[in-house]
N, C-alpha and C. Protein backbone atom coordinates (compact mmCIF):
# COMPACT_ATOMS: atom_id res chain seq x y z
N MET A 1 53.52 107.11 140.68
CA MET A 1 53.63 106.29 139.50
C MET A 1 55.08 105.82 139.37
N THR A 2 55.28 104.57 139.06
CA THR A 2 56.63 104.04 138.88
C THR A 2 56.97 104.02 137.40
N ALA A 3 58.26 104.11 137.13
CA ALA A 3 58.73 104.09 135.75
C ALA A 3 58.59 102.69 135.18
N ALA A 4 58.34 102.62 133.89
CA ALA A 4 58.27 101.33 133.21
C ALA A 4 59.66 100.70 133.21
N PRO A 5 59.74 99.40 133.30
CA PRO A 5 61.06 98.75 133.26
C PRO A 5 61.71 98.98 131.91
N ALA A 6 63.03 99.11 131.92
CA ALA A 6 63.76 99.31 130.66
C ALA A 6 63.63 98.07 129.79
N LEU A 7 63.46 98.30 128.52
CA LEU A 7 63.38 97.19 127.58
C LEU A 7 64.78 96.71 127.26
N PRO A 8 64.97 95.41 127.11
CA PRO A 8 66.30 94.93 126.75
C PRO A 8 66.64 95.41 125.34
N ILE A 9 67.88 95.80 125.14
CA ILE A 9 68.31 96.26 123.82
C ILE A 9 69.67 95.65 123.52
N ASN A 10 69.85 95.32 122.30
CA ASN A 10 71.12 94.81 121.84
C ASN A 10 72.17 95.92 122.04
N ILE A 11 73.25 95.61 122.76
CA ILE A 11 74.26 96.61 123.09
C ILE A 11 74.87 97.22 121.84
N SER A 12 75.16 96.42 120.83
CA SER A 12 75.75 96.99 119.62
C SER A 12 74.77 97.91 118.91
N ALA A 13 73.48 97.60 118.95
CA ALA A 13 72.47 98.49 118.35
C ALA A 13 72.41 99.81 119.12
N ARG A 14 72.57 99.74 120.43
CA ARG A 14 72.58 100.95 121.26
C ARG A 14 73.76 101.83 120.90
N ILE A 15 74.95 101.24 120.80
CA ILE A 15 76.14 102.02 120.45
C ILE A 15 76.00 102.59 119.04
N GLU A 16 75.44 101.83 118.12
CA GLU A 16 75.22 102.33 116.76
C GLU A 16 74.31 103.55 116.77
N ALA A 17 73.26 103.52 117.60
CA ALA A 17 72.35 104.66 117.69
C ALA A 17 73.06 105.88 118.29
N ILE A 18 73.89 105.65 119.30
CA ILE A 18 74.64 106.74 119.90
C ILE A 18 75.66 107.29 118.91
N LEU A 19 76.32 106.42 118.16
CA LEU A 19 77.25 106.87 117.13
C LEU A 19 76.55 107.70 116.06
N ALA A 20 75.31 107.34 115.74
CA ALA A 20 74.54 108.12 114.75
C ALA A 20 74.32 109.54 115.25
N LEU A 21 74.07 109.70 116.55
CA LEU A 21 73.94 111.05 117.13
C LEU A 21 75.26 111.80 117.02
N HIS A 22 76.35 111.12 117.35
CA HIS A 22 77.68 111.72 117.25
C HIS A 22 77.96 112.14 115.81
N ASP A 23 77.64 111.27 114.86
CA ASP A 23 77.90 111.55 113.45
C ASP A 23 77.07 112.72 112.92
N ARG A 24 75.98 113.04 113.59
CA ARG A 24 75.16 114.20 113.22
C ARG A 24 75.73 115.49 113.80
N GLY A 25 76.82 115.37 114.53
CA GLY A 25 77.48 116.55 115.06
C GLY A 25 77.09 116.93 116.47
N LEU A 26 76.41 116.03 117.18
CA LEU A 26 76.02 116.34 118.55
C LEU A 26 77.16 116.02 119.51
N ALA A 27 77.39 116.92 120.46
CA ALA A 27 78.39 116.70 121.50
C ALA A 27 77.73 115.93 122.62
N LEU A 28 78.10 114.68 122.79
CA LEU A 28 77.45 113.77 123.72
C LEU A 28 78.12 113.77 125.09
N VAL A 29 77.30 113.62 126.11
CA VAL A 29 77.78 113.61 127.50
C VAL A 29 77.22 112.37 128.20
N PRO A 30 78.09 111.49 128.69
CA PRO A 30 77.61 110.34 129.47
C PRO A 30 76.98 110.83 130.77
N ALA A 31 75.83 110.26 131.13
CA ALA A 31 75.12 110.70 132.33
C ALA A 31 74.45 109.51 133.00
N ARG A 32 74.14 109.70 134.26
CA ARG A 32 73.30 108.76 135.01
C ARG A 32 72.11 109.57 135.46
N GLY A 33 70.97 109.32 134.83
CA GLY A 33 69.82 110.19 135.05
C GLY A 33 70.14 111.55 134.46
N LYS A 34 70.00 112.59 135.26
CA LYS A 34 70.31 113.94 134.78
C LYS A 34 71.69 114.41 135.23
N GLN A 35 72.47 113.53 135.85
CA GLN A 35 73.78 113.91 136.36
C GLN A 35 74.89 113.43 135.43
N PRO A 36 75.71 114.34 134.92
CA PRO A 36 76.85 113.92 134.09
C PRO A 36 77.79 113.01 134.88
N VAL A 37 78.37 112.06 134.20
CA VAL A 37 79.27 111.09 134.82
C VAL A 37 80.63 111.73 135.13
N HIS A 38 81.10 112.63 134.28
CA HIS A 38 82.44 113.20 134.40
C HIS A 38 82.42 114.64 134.92
N LYS A 39 83.41 114.96 135.74
CA LYS A 39 83.63 116.37 136.08
C LYS A 39 84.16 117.04 134.82
N GLY A 40 83.85 118.29 134.64
CA GLY A 40 84.29 119.00 133.45
C GLY A 40 83.51 118.63 132.21
N TRP A 41 82.31 118.09 132.41
CA TRP A 41 81.49 117.61 131.28
C TRP A 41 81.20 118.71 130.27
N GLN A 42 81.21 119.96 130.70
CA GLN A 42 80.92 121.07 129.79
C GLN A 42 81.95 121.17 128.67
N ASN A 43 83.14 120.69 128.95
CA ASN A 43 84.23 120.76 127.97
C ASN A 43 84.51 119.42 127.30
N LEU A 44 83.72 118.41 127.59
CA LEU A 44 83.94 117.07 127.04
C LEU A 44 83.56 117.05 125.56
N ARG A 45 84.48 116.59 124.73
CA ARG A 45 84.22 116.40 123.30
C ARG A 45 84.75 115.03 122.93
N LEU A 46 83.86 114.06 122.89
CA LEU A 46 84.26 112.69 122.60
C LEU A 46 84.52 112.51 121.11
N THR A 47 85.54 111.73 120.79
CA THR A 47 85.75 111.32 119.40
C THR A 47 84.86 110.11 119.14
N ARG A 48 84.69 109.78 117.90
CA ARG A 48 83.88 108.62 117.54
C ARG A 48 84.45 107.36 118.20
N ALA A 49 85.77 107.27 118.23
CA ALA A 49 86.43 106.09 118.81
C ALA A 49 86.20 105.96 120.31
N GLU A 50 85.90 107.06 120.99
CA GLU A 50 85.72 107.03 122.45
C GLU A 50 84.28 106.73 122.88
N VAL A 51 83.35 106.79 121.96
CA VAL A 51 81.92 106.65 122.32
C VAL A 51 81.64 105.34 123.05
N ALA A 52 82.05 104.21 122.51
CA ALA A 52 81.72 102.90 123.11
C ALA A 52 82.27 102.76 124.52
N GLU A 53 83.46 103.31 124.80
CA GLU A 53 84.03 103.16 126.15
C GLU A 53 83.31 104.04 127.17
N HIS A 54 82.67 105.12 126.74
CA HIS A 54 81.99 106.02 127.67
C HIS A 54 80.51 105.68 127.87
N PHE A 55 79.90 105.03 126.89
CA PHE A 55 78.47 104.73 126.98
C PHE A 55 78.25 103.23 127.19
N THR A 56 78.71 102.76 128.33
CA THR A 56 78.52 101.37 128.70
C THR A 56 77.09 101.19 129.21
N GLU A 57 76.72 99.96 129.48
CA GLU A 57 75.37 99.67 129.96
C GLU A 57 75.07 100.48 131.22
N GLY A 58 73.90 101.09 131.27
CA GLY A 58 73.48 101.86 132.42
C GLY A 58 73.84 103.34 132.34
N VAL A 59 74.59 103.72 131.32
CA VAL A 59 74.96 105.12 131.15
C VAL A 59 74.03 105.75 130.12
N ASP A 60 73.41 106.87 130.51
CA ASP A 60 72.47 107.57 129.64
C ASP A 60 73.22 108.54 128.72
N VAL A 61 72.49 109.06 127.74
CA VAL A 61 73.07 109.98 126.77
C VAL A 61 72.53 111.39 127.01
N GLY A 62 73.44 112.30 127.28
CA GLY A 62 73.11 113.72 127.35
C GLY A 62 73.70 114.40 126.14
N VAL A 63 73.20 115.58 125.82
CA VAL A 63 73.70 116.33 124.67
C VAL A 63 73.98 117.76 125.10
N LEU A 64 75.18 118.24 124.80
CA LEU A 64 75.50 119.64 125.03
C LEU A 64 74.78 120.46 123.96
N THR A 65 74.14 121.52 124.38
CA THR A 65 73.47 122.38 123.41
C THR A 65 74.38 123.56 123.07
N GLY A 66 73.94 124.38 122.14
CA GLY A 66 74.72 125.54 121.73
C GLY A 66 75.84 125.18 120.78
N GLU A 67 76.91 125.95 120.83
CA GLU A 67 78.02 125.81 119.88
C GLU A 67 78.59 124.40 119.77
N PRO A 68 78.78 123.64 120.89
CA PRO A 68 79.36 122.30 120.76
C PRO A 68 78.56 121.35 119.87
N SER A 69 77.27 121.60 119.72
CA SER A 69 76.40 120.73 118.91
C SER A 69 75.80 121.48 117.72
N GLY A 70 76.59 122.37 117.13
CA GLY A 70 76.12 123.10 115.95
C GLY A 70 75.00 124.07 116.25
N TRP A 71 75.03 124.66 117.44
CA TRP A 71 74.04 125.64 117.89
C TRP A 71 72.66 125.03 118.10
N LEU A 72 72.63 123.78 118.51
CA LEU A 72 71.38 123.11 118.88
C LEU A 72 70.74 123.85 120.05
N VAL A 73 69.43 124.05 119.97
CA VAL A 73 68.68 124.72 121.01
C VAL A 73 67.67 123.76 121.61
N ASP A 74 67.54 123.79 122.93
CA ASP A 74 66.55 122.99 123.64
C ASP A 74 65.56 123.93 124.30
N VAL A 75 64.29 123.75 124.01
CA VAL A 75 63.25 124.56 124.63
C VAL A 75 62.49 123.68 125.60
N ASP A 76 62.51 124.05 126.88
CA ASP A 76 61.83 123.30 127.92
C ASP A 76 60.64 124.13 128.38
N GLN A 77 59.48 123.73 127.95
CA GLN A 77 58.28 124.50 128.25
C GLN A 77 57.47 123.77 129.30
N ASP A 78 57.52 124.25 130.51
CA ASP A 78 56.77 123.64 131.60
C ASP A 78 55.57 124.56 131.93
N CYS A 79 54.43 124.16 131.44
CA CYS A 79 53.21 124.92 131.77
C CYS A 79 52.00 123.99 131.68
N ASP A 80 50.95 124.38 132.33
CA ASP A 80 49.73 123.57 132.36
C ASP A 80 48.86 123.76 131.12
N ASP A 81 49.12 124.79 130.33
CA ASP A 81 48.28 125.08 129.17
C ASP A 81 48.52 124.14 128.03
């Protein structure tokens, strides 16, 4: 199965959505697919002013879990049930 083509999105609306995540206290990590863009991504803490320069077109949004994001927890349940 092939992935659906990405829908066009207004770049400023995309940055606004990413800023909303930042404003909720999430520690954001620029990524390409599941791979972080930067070495040392575990320690990356972007300021609001840095968001637009790091999340250019084609860069996905990752989120650090745990303490950097207010103790956010991610549960990945892979089972057939």
